[in-house]
Amino acid sequence: MRGRAPGGGAPAGPVEITSESVQRGDVIQIGGRPCRVIDLLQLPGGAKRLWFESGELLTMHSRTRLVALRVLRRW
């Protein structure tokens, strides 16, 4: 499944993310609403705190697995 990143025109595709692989710009659907990651903070035990454009926060623990929409970059 491929689509367009919310708010942009670049092609995007789904990727499985963990606290180690999450990146700024990833779009995670939470409660049916797409939320774009704008900042990350490393926490003890391999967890990360994610900040979204909306101002909301989410803590991903080291074993959390989510699917995110990520802009596909072509070389």
C-alpha atoms as a PDB file:
ATOM      1  CA  MET A   1       0.000   0.000   0.000  1.00  0.00           C
ATOM      2  CA  ARG A   2       1.423   3.351  -1.022  1.00  0.00           C
ATOM      3  CA  GLY A   3       0.004   6.810  -0.762  1.00  0.00           C
ATOM      4  CA  ARG A   4       0.926  10.423  -0.281  1.00  0.00           C
ATOM      5  CA  ALA A   5       2.282  11.834   2.962  1.00  0.00           C
ATOM      6  CA  PRO A   6      -0.289  14.026   4.742  1.00  0.00           C
ATOM      7  CA  GLY A   7       0.393  17.687   4.014  1.00  0.00           C
ATOM      8  CA  GLY A   8       2.890  16.881   1.281  1.00  0.00           C
ATOM      9  CA  GLY A   9       3.065  15.605  -2.229  1.00  0.00           C
ATOM     10  CA  ALA A  10       5.877  13.104  -1.824  1.00  0.00           C
ATOM     11  CA  PRO A  11       5.153   9.388  -2.226  1.00  0.00           C
ATOM     12  CA  ALA A  12       4.963   7.525   1.080  1.00  0.00           C
ATOM     13  CA  GLY A  13       4.825   3.879   2.102  1.00  0.00           C
ATOM     14  CA  PRO A  14       4.092   1.936   5.278  1.00  0.00           C
ATOM     15  CA  VAL A  15       7.002   0.710   7.413  1.00  0.00           C
ATOM     16  CA  GLU A  16       7.099  -1.138  10.727  1.00  0.00           C
ATOM     17  CA  ILE A  17       8.852   0.987  13.335  1.00  0.00           C
ATOM     18  CA  THR A  18      10.260   0.381  16.802  1.00  0.00           C
ATOM     19  CA  SER A  19      11.716   2.806  19.325  1.00  0.00           C
ATOM     20  CA  GLU A  20      15.081   2.268  17.603  1.00  0.00           C
ATOM     21  CA  SER A  21      13.902   2.987  14.068  1.00  0.00           C
ATOM     22  CA  VAL A  22      11.323   5.782  14.510  1.00  0.00           C
ATOM     23  CA  GLN A  23      12.317   9.030  12.747  1.00  0.00           C
ATOM     24  CA  ARG A  24      11.226  12.636  12.630  1.00  0.00           C
ATOM     25  CA  GLY A  25       8.638  12.993   9.891  1.00  0.00           C
ATOM     26  CA  ASP A  26       7.101   9.520  10.397  1.00  0.00           C
ATOM     27  CA  VAL A  27       3.294   9.623  10.381  1.00  0.00           C
ATOM     28  CA  ILE A  28       1.620   7.281  12.879  1.00  0.00           C
ATOM     29  CA  GLN A  29      -2.138   6.816  12.914  1.00  0.00           C
ATOM     30  CA  ILE A  30      -3.469   7.136  16.458  1.00  0.00           C
ATOM     31  CA  GLY A  31      -7.179   6.900  17.140  1.00  0.00           C
ATOM     32  CA  GLY A  32      -7.869   7.127  13.416  1.00  0.00           C
ATOM     33  CA  ARG A  33      -5.970  10.408  13.109  1.00  0.00           C
ATOM     34  CA  PRO A  34      -2.565  10.761  11.420  1.00  0.00           C
ATOM     35  CA  CYS A  35       0.082  12.254  13.730  1.00  0.00           C
ATOM     36  CA  ARG A  36       3.454  13.439  12.378  1.00  0.00           C
ATOM     37  CA  VAL A  37       6.526  13.014  14.630  1.00  0.00           C
ATOM     38  CA  ILE A  38       8.390  16.317  15.006  1.00  0.00           C
ATOM     39  CA  ASP A  39      10.814  15.495  17.835  1.00  0.00           C
ATOM     40  CA  LEU A  40      12.180  12.515  19.788  1.00  0.00           C
ATOM     41  CA  LEU A  41      13.712  12.056  23.233  1.00  0.00           C
ATOM     42  CA  GLN A  42      15.702   8.957  24.240  1.00  0.00           C
ATOM     43  CA  LEU A  43      14.525   7.507  27.573  1.00  0.00           C
ATOM     44  CA  PRO A  44      16.070   4.833  29.817  1.00  0.00           C
ATOM     45  CA  GLY A  45      15.609   1.194  28.821  1.00  0.00           C
ATOM     46  CA  GLY A  46      15.482   1.859  25.074  1.00  0.00           C
ATOM     47  CA  ALA A  47      12.200   3.781  25.163  1.00  0.00           C
ATOM     48  CA  LYS A  48      11.583   7.030  23.249  1.00  0.00           C
ATOM     49  CA  ARG A  49       9.160   9.881  23.791  1.00  0.00           C
ATOM     50  CA  LEU A  50       7.638  11.171  20.560  1.00  0.00           C
ATOM     51  CA  TRP A  51       6.291  14.696  20.089  1.00  0.00           C
ATOM     52  CA  PHE A  52       3.685  15.240  17.391  1.00  0.00           C
ATOM     53  CA  GLU A  53       2.773  18.375  15.417  1.00  0.00           C
ATOM     54  CA  SER A  54      -0.474  18.533  17.403  1.00  0.00           C
ATOM     55  CA  GLY A  55       1.499  18.906  20.655  1.00  0.00           C
ATOM     56  CA  GLU A  56       0.591  15.432  21.888  1.00  0.00           C
ATOM     57  CA  LEU A  57       3.156  12.990  23.293  1.00  0.00           C
ATOM     58  CA  LEU A  58       3.554   9.225  22.964  1.00  0.00           C
ATOM     59  CA  THR A  59       6.076   6.993  24.733  1.00  0.00           C
ATOM     60  CA  MET A  60       7.281   4.016  22.715  1.00  0.00           C
ATOM     61  CA  HIS A  61       8.781   1.310  24.895  1.00  0.00           C
ATOM     62  CA  SER A  62      11.645  -0.840  23.619  1.00  0.00           C
ATOM     63  CA  ARG A  63       9.282  -3.633  22.526  1.00  0.00           C
ATOM     64  CA  THR A  64       6.574  -1.438  20.966  1.00  0.00           C
ATOM     65  CA  ARG A  65       5.983  -2.059  17.247  1.00  0.00           C
ATOM     66  CA  LEU A  66       3.850   0.289  15.151  1.00  0.00           C
ATOM     67  CA  VAL A  67       3.213   0.884  11.465  1.00  0.00           C
ATOM     68  CA  ALA A  68       4.082   4.354  10.205  1.00  0.00           C
ATOM     69  CA  LEU A  69       3.824   6.116   6.881  1.00  0.00           C
ATOM     70  CA  ARG A  70       7.277   7.258   5.802  1.00  0.00           C
ATOM     71  CA  VAL A  71       8.209   9.449   2.842  1.00  0.00           C
ATOM     72  CA  LEU A  72      10.038   7.332   0.276  1.00  0.00           C
ATOM     73  CA  ARG A  73      13.318   8.883  -0.785  1.00  0.00           C
ATOM     74  CA  ARG A  74      14.727   8.040  -4.181  1.00  0.00           C
ATOM     75  CA  TRP A  75      18.441   8.255  -4.909  1.00  0.00           C
END
